[in-house]
C-alpha atoms as a PDB file:
ATOM      1  CA  MET A   1      59.019 -28.045 -47.867  1.00  0.00           C
ATOM      2  CA  GLU A   2      56.716 -25.094 -48.414  1.00  0.00           C
ATOM      3  CA  GLN A   3      53.754 -27.128 -47.118  1.00  0.00           C
ATOM      4  CA  LYS A   4      55.641 -28.060 -43.938  1.00  0.00           C
ATOM      5  CA  ARG A   5      56.369 -24.368 -43.260  1.00  0.00           C
ATOM      6  CA  LEU A   6      52.697 -23.531 -43.845  1.00  0.00           C
ATOM      7  CA  MET A   7      51.632 -26.241 -41.381  1.00  0.00           C
ATOM      8  CA  GLU A   8      54.038 -24.819 -38.769  1.00  0.00           C
ATOM      9  CA  ARG A   9      52.556 -21.348 -39.291  1.00  0.00           C
ATOM     10  CA  ILE A  10      49.059 -22.831 -38.901  1.00  0.00           C
ATOM     11  CA  ARG A  11      50.054 -24.423 -35.597  1.00  0.00           C
ATOM     12  CA  LYS A  12      51.273 -20.993 -34.457  1.00  0.00           C
ATOM     13  CA  GLY A  13      47.787 -19.588 -35.136  1.00  0.00           C
ATOM     14  CA  GLU A  14      48.188 -17.978 -38.556  1.00  0.00           C
ATOM     15  CA  ASP A  15      44.808 -18.571 -40.188  1.00  0.00           C
ATOM     16  CA  GLU A  16      45.896 -17.174 -43.554  1.00  0.00           C
ATOM     17  CA  ALA A  17      48.522 -19.932 -43.722  1.00  0.00           C
ATOM     18  CA  PHE A  18      45.737 -22.532 -43.792  1.00  0.00           C
ATOM     19  CA  ALA A  19      44.063 -20.703 -46.667  1.00  0.00           C
ATOM     20  CA  GLU A  20      47.390 -20.672 -48.544  1.00  0.00           C
ATOM     21  CA  LEU A  21      47.750 -24.398 -47.940  1.00  0.00           C
ATOM     22  CA  VAL A  22      44.292 -25.597 -49.007  1.00  0.00           C
ATOM     23  CA  ASN A  23      43.025 -23.029 -51.538  1.00  0.00           C
ATOM     24  CA  PRO A  24      45.082 -24.449 -54.436  1.00  0.00           C
ATOM     25  CA  LEU A  25      43.664 -27.928 -53.683  1.00  0.00           C
ATOM     26  CA  ILE A  26      39.952 -27.109 -53.408  1.00  0.00           C
ATOM     27  CA  GLU A  27      38.988 -27.146 -57.101  1.00  0.00           C
ATOM     28  CA  LYS A  28      40.623 -30.502 -57.871  1.00  0.00           C
ATOM     29  CA  SER A  29      39.309 -31.948 -54.587  1.00  0.00           C
ATOM     30  CA  TYR A  30      35.795 -30.824 -55.484  1.00  0.00           C
ATOM     31  CA  ARG A  31      36.021 -32.451 -58.926  1.00  0.00           C
ATOM     32  CA  THR A  32      37.246 -35.686 -57.322  1.00  0.00           C
ATOM     33  CA  SER A  33      34.448 -35.697 -54.765  1.00  0.00           C
ATOM     34  CA  PHE A  34      31.800 -34.769 -57.333  1.00  0.00           C
ATOM     35  CA  SER A  35      32.964 -37.558 -59.680  1.00  0.00           C
ATOM     36  CA  ILE A  36      32.411 -40.049 -56.849  1.00  0.00           C
ATOM     37  CA  LEU A  37      29.166 -38.672 -55.419  1.00  0.00           C
ATOM     38  CA  ARG A  38      27.478 -37.067 -58.448  1.00  0.00           C
ATOM     39  CA  SER A  39      26.006 -34.460 -56.114  1.00  0.00           C
ATOM     40  CA  LYS A  40      27.118 -30.838 -55.918  1.00  0.00           C
ATOM     41  CA  GLU A  41      25.830 -30.385 -52.363  1.00  0.00           C
ATOM     42  CA  GLN A  42      27.399 -33.574 -51.043  1.00  0.00           C
ATOM     43  CA  ALA A  43      30.726 -32.838 -52.749  1.00  0.00           C
ATOM     44  CA  GLU A  44      30.791 -29.359 -51.211  1.00  0.00           C
ATOM     45  CA  GLU A  45      30.016 -30.824 -47.799  1.00  0.00           C
ATOM     46  CA  VAL A  46      32.785 -33.406 -48.156  1.00  0.00           C
ATOM     47  CA  ILE A  47      35.321 -30.674 -49.047  1.00  0.00           C
ATOM     48  CA  GLN A  48      34.216 -28.558 -46.106  1.00  0.00           C
ATOM     49  CA  ASN A  49      34.472 -31.499 -43.698  1.00  0.00           C
ATOM     50  CA  ALA A  50      37.835 -32.539 -45.153  1.00  0.00           C
ATOM     51  CA  MET A  51      39.168 -29.023 -44.576  1.00  0.00           C
ATOM     52  CA  ILE A  52      37.989 -29.121 -40.961  1.00  0.00           C
ATOM     53  CA  GLU A  53      39.547 -32.548 -40.485  1.00  0.00           C
ATOM     54  CA  ALA A  54      42.810 -31.390 -42.083  1.00  0.00           C
ATOM     55  CA  TYR A  55      42.939 -28.335 -39.843  1.00  0.00           C
ATOM     56  CA  GLN A  56      42.300 -30.441 -36.736  1.00  0.00           C
ATOM     57  CA  ASN A  57      45.007 -32.938 -37.748  1.00  0.00           C
ATOM     58  CA  ILE A  58      47.513 -30.125 -38.324  1.00  0.00           C
ATOM     59  CA  MET A  59      46.653 -28.479 -34.990  1.00  0.00           C
ATOM     60  CA  ASN A  60      46.961 -31.849 -33.207  1.00  0.00           C
ATOM     61  CA  GLY A  61      50.474 -32.178 -34.569  1.00  0.00           C
ATOM     62  CA  LYS A  62      49.867 -35.055 -36.956  1.00  0.00           C
ATOM     63  CA  GLU A  63      52.934 -35.710 -39.096  1.00  0.00           C
ATOM     64  CA  ILE A  64      51.845 -35.137 -42.696  1.00  0.00           C
ATOM     65  CA  ASN A  65      54.763 -35.443 -45.111  1.00  0.00           C
ATOM     66  CA  TYR A  66      52.974 -34.806 -48.413  1.00  0.00           C
ATOM     67  CA  PHE A  67      49.963 -32.670 -47.575  1.00  0.00           C
ATOM     68  CA  THR A  68      48.604 -32.464 -51.139  1.00  0.00           C
ATOM     69  CA  THR A  69      48.556 -36.241 -51.537  1.00  0.00           C
ATOM     70  CA  TRP A  70      47.237 -36.723 -48.015  1.00  0.00           C
ATOM     71  CA  PHE A  71      44.429 -34.178 -48.577  1.00  0.00           C
ATOM     72  CA  TYR A  72      43.337 -35.686 -51.910  1.00  0.00           C
ATOM     73  CA  LYS A  73      43.278 -39.117 -50.299  1.00  0.00           C
ATOM     74  CA  LEU A  74      41.250 -37.724 -47.379  1.00  0.00           C
ATOM     75  CA  VAL A  75      38.701 -36.201 -49.788  1.00  0.00           C
ATOM     76  CA  SER A  76      38.456 -39.462 -51.757  1.00  0.00           C
ATOM     77  CA  HIS A  77      37.956 -41.543 -48.615  1.00  0.00           C
ATOM     78  CA  ARG A  78      35.345 -39.188 -47.169  1.00  0.00           C
ATOM     79  CA  SER A  79      33.505 -39.145 -50.510  1.00  0.00           C
ATOM     80  CA  ILE A  80      33.464 -42.934 -50.555  1.00  0.00           C
ATOM     81  CA  ASP A  81      32.219 -42.916 -46.943  1.00  0.00           C
ATOM     82  CA  VAL A  82      29.303 -40.673 -47.960  1.00  0.00           C
ATOM     83  CA  LEU A  83      28.597 -42.877 -50.978  1.00  0.00           C
ATOM     84  CA  ARG A  84      28.467 -45.955 -48.731  1.00  0.00           C
ATOM     85  CA  LYS A  85      26.238 -44.163 -46.247  1.00  0.00           C
ATOM     86  CA  ASN A  86      23.890 -43.199 -49.095  1.00  0.00           C
ATOM     87  CA  ALA A  87      23.830 -46.839 -50.255  1.00  0.00           C
ATOM     88  CA  ARG A  88      23.033 -48.061 -46.722  1.00  0.00           C
ATOM     89  CA  LEU A  89      20.249 -45.507 -46.402  1.00  0.00           C
ATOM     90  CA  LYS A  90      18.865 -46.584 -49.770  1.00  0.00           C
ATOM     91  CA  GLU A  91      19.040 -50.262 -48.736  1.00  0.00           C
ATOM     92  CA  THR A  92      17.311 -49.457 -45.460  1.00  0.00           C
ATOM     93  CA  HIS A  93      14.609 -47.579 -47.355  1.00  0.00           C
ATOM     94  CA  ILE A  94      14.167 -50.522 -49.749  1.00  0.00           C
ATOM     95  CA  GLU A  95      14.008 -52.962 -46.816  1.00  0.00           C
ATOM     96  CA  LEU A  96      11.386 -50.809 -45.098  1.00  0.00           C
ATOM     97  CA  GLU A  97       9.354 -50.650 -48.305  1.00  0.00           C
ATOM     98  CA  TYR A  98       9.661 -54.438 -48.648  1.00  0.00           C
ATOM     99  CA  LEU A  99       8.502 -54.943 -45.050  1.00  0.00           C
ATOM    100  CA  LYS A 100       5.581 -52.551 -45.572  1.00  0.00           C
ATOM    101  CA  ASP A 101       4.607 -54.372 -48.761  1.00  0.00           C
ATOM    102  CA  ARG A 102       4.937 -57.731 -47.032  1.00  0.00           C
ATOM    103  CA  GLN A 103       2.907 -56.521 -44.069  1.00  0.00           C
ATOM    104  CA  GLY A 104       0.267 -55.238 -46.470  1.00  0.00           C
ATOM    105  CA  VAL A 105       0.120 -58.628 -48.177  1.00  0.00           C
ATOM    106  CA  VAL A 106      -0.262 -60.428 -44.834  1.00  0.00           C
ATOM    107  CA  GLU A 107      -2.992 -58.019 -43.749  1.00  0.00           C
ATOM    108  CA  SER A 108      -4.734 -58.435 -47.102  1.00  0.00           C
ATOM    109  CA  VAL A 109      -4.681 -62.236 -46.832  1.00  0.00           C
ATOM    110  CA  ILE A 110      -6.025 -62.112 -43.266  1.00  0.00           C
ATOM    111  CA  LYS A 111      -8.755 -59.691 -44.350  1.00  0.00           C
ATOM    112  CA  GLN A 112      -9.740 -61.918 -47.303  1.00  0.00           C
ATOM    113  CA  GLU A 113      -9.826 -65.015 -45.106  1.00  0.00           C
ATOM    114  CA  THR A 114     -11.929 -63.218 -42.514  1.00  0.00           C
ATOM    115  CA  GLU A 115     -14.348 -61.917 -45.149  1.00  0.00           C
ATOM    116  CA  LYS A 116     -14.603 -65.406 -46.639  1.00  0.00           C
ATOM    117  CA  GLU A 117     -15.355 -66.886 -43.229  1.00  0.00           C
ATOM    118  CA  ILE A 118     -17.994 -64.215 -42.553  1.00  0.00           C
ATOM    119  CA  LYS A 119     -19.700 -64.861 -45.910  1.00  0.00           C
ATOM    120  CA  GLU A 120     -19.668 -68.604 -45.252  1.00  0.00           C
ATOM    121  CA  GLY A 121     -21.078 -67.898 -41.801  1.00  0.00           C
ATOM    122  CA  ILE A 122     -23.898 -65.834 -43.272  1.00  0.00           C
ATOM    123  CA  LEU A 123     -24.688 -68.473 -45.888  1.00  0.00           C
ATOM    124  CA  SER A 124     -24.710 -71.202 -43.234  1.00  0.00           C
ATOM    125  CA  LEU A 125     -27.417 -69.515 -41.159  1.00  0.00           C
ATOM    126  CA  ALA A 126     -30.444 -71.812 -40.950  1.00  0.00           C
ATOM    127  CA  ASN A 127     -32.973 -68.990 -41.184  1.00  0.00           C
ATOM    128  CA  THR A 128     -33.148 -67.672 -44.772  1.00  0.00           C
ATOM    129  CA  ASP A 129     -34.745 -64.415 -43.631  1.00  0.00           C
ATOM    130  CA  TYR A 130     -31.678 -63.735 -41.438  1.00  0.00           C
ATOM    131  CA  ARG A 131     -29.344 -64.470 -44.366  1.00  0.00           C
ATOM    132  CA  ASN A 132     -31.305 -62.218 -46.723  1.00  0.00           C
ATOM    133  CA  VAL A 133     -31.485 -59.345 -44.278  1.00  0.00           C
ATOM    134  CA  LEU A 134     -27.720 -59.512 -43.571  1.00  0.00           C
ATOM    135  CA  LEU A 135     -26.785 -59.768 -47.244  1.00  0.00           C
ATOM    136  CA  LEU A 136     -29.032 -56.903 -48.309  1.00  0.00           C
ATOM    137  CA  TYR A 137     -28.105 -54.646 -45.405  1.00  0.00           C
ATOM    138  CA  TYR A 138     -24.321 -55.196 -45.332  1.00  0.00           C
ATOM    139  CA  TYR A 139     -23.367 -56.311 -48.823  1.00  0.00           C
ATOM    140  CA  GLN A 140     -25.922 -54.444 -50.896  1.00  0.00           C
ATOM    141  CA  GLU A 141     -25.771 -51.513 -48.450  1.00  0.00           C
ATOM    142  CA  LEU A 142     -29.526 -51.029 -48.431  1.00  0.00           C
ATOM    143  CA  SER A 143     -31.178 -49.089 -45.626  1.00  0.00           C
ATOM    144  CA  ILE A 144     -33.533 -50.759 -43.149  1.00  0.00           C
ATOM    145  CA  GLN A 145     -36.488 -49.208 -44.981  1.00  0.00           C
ATOM    146  CA  GLU A 146     -35.222 -50.415 -48.374  1.00  0.00           C
ATOM    147  CA  VAL A 147     -34.737 -53.974 -47.031  1.00  0.00           C
ATOM    148  CA  SER A 148     -38.226 -53.757 -45.511  1.00  0.00           C
ATOM    149  CA  ASP A 149     -39.766 -52.693 -48.824  1.00  0.00           C
ATOM    150  CA  LEU A 150     -37.828 -55.264 -50.831  1.00  0.00           C
ATOM    151  CA  LEU A 151     -38.686 -58.222 -48.576  1.00  0.00           C
ATOM    152  CA  GLY A 152     -42.216 -57.076 -47.726  1.00  0.00           C
ATOM    153  CA  MET A 153     -41.514 -56.959 -43.965  1.00  0.00           C
ATOM    154  CA  LYS A 154     -42.094 -54.302 -41.378  1.00  0.00           C
ATOM    155  CA  ALA A 155     -39.025 -52.182 -40.562  1.00  0.00           C
ATOM    156  CA  SER A 156     -39.194 -53.403 -36.948  1.00  0.00           C
ATOM    157  CA  THR A 157     -39.078 -57.022 -38.198  1.00  0.00           C
ATOM    158  CA  VAL A 158     -35.995 -56.229 -40.326  1.00  0.00           C
ATOM    159  CA  LYS A 159     -34.308 -54.698 -37.263  1.00  0.00           C
ATOM    160  CA  SER A 160     -35.074 -57.724 -35.070  1.00  0.00           C
ATOM    161  CA  HIS A 161     -33.896 -60.115 -37.848  1.00  0.00           C
ATOM    162  CA  LEU A 162     -30.674 -58.088 -38.154  1.00  0.00           C
ATOM    163  CA  ARG A 163     -30.080 -58.296 -34.388  1.00  0.00           C
ATOM    164  CA  ARG A 164     -30.783 -62.050 -34.243  1.00  0.00           C
ATOM    165  CA  ALA A 165     -28.757 -62.701 -37.396  1.00  0.00           C
ATOM    166  CA  ARG A 166     -25.776 -60.785 -35.963  1.00  0.00           C
ATOM    167  CA  ASN A 167     -25.964 -62.776 -32.752  1.00  0.00           C
ATOM    168  CA  ALA A 168     -26.173 -66.090 -34.637  1.00  0.00           C
ATOM    169  CA  LEU A 169     -23.258 -65.076 -36.852  1.00  0.00           C
ATOM    170  CA  LYS A 170     -21.252 -63.927 -33.829  1.00  0.00           C
ATOM    171  CA  THR A 171     -21.812 -67.293 -32.161  1.00  0.00           C
ATOM    172  CA  ARG A 172     -20.644 -69.176 -35.261  1.00  0.00           C
ATOM    173  CA  LEU A 173     -17.569 -67.002 -35.810  1.00  0.00           C
ATOM    174  CA  THR A 174     -16.616 -67.118 -32.125  1.00  0.00           C
ATOM    175  CA  LYS A 175     -16.914 -70.909 -32.187  1.00  0.00           C
ATOM    176  CA  ASN A 176     -14.600 -71.036 -35.216  1.00  0.00           C
ATOM    177  CA  SER A 177     -12.157 -68.587 -33.520  1.00  0.00           C
ATOM    178  CA  ILE A 178     -12.543 -66.030 -36.291  1.00  0.00           C
ATOM    179  CA  ILE A 179     -13.408 -63.272 -33.873  1.00  0.00           C
ATOM    180  CA  GLU A 180     -12.567 -62.799 -30.223  1.00  0.00           C
ATOM    181  CA  VAL A 181     -15.159 -61.724 -27.751  1.00  0.00           C
ATOM    182  CA  ASN A 182     -14.185 -59.529 -24.818  1.00  0.00           C
ATOM    183  CA  SER A 183     -15.643 -60.875 -21.620  1.00  0.00           C
END
């Protein structure tokens, strides 16, 4: 009966009546919410939101026969809602991580296949000087001068072999649809 009188006073605009109604329930409500959520901040937020929701329901004239029971149930339900939301967010995060990992695997496989095709393309070049120049320059990461010294060729010859070897490789890879050429 006391709770019904307090709710009537609240509807009449007496703010202290709301404090009288909910203050005795806050500590137990917090413990309930915290036991569900295991987070101080989230439990506090649930209690705050439950108090706002309770106030709005009272002001809208909702018939609440047993306010204490109704409020504890409201806190429990809102805590469970937050818990479910947290679980959905965690699942979404896991799914995103899975998709990123999967995308990384696909990209890795494509990269490996492309590198394999390029190496096969280099090894299939008829001119051994072209092959050697490409392998030393790109895979051994030697400079033009270092390739020149190693193979006993002029630097200008290494450059022209590199250009011709790239063109021959490009032709082979384009023919095998490994690379696309913009027209």
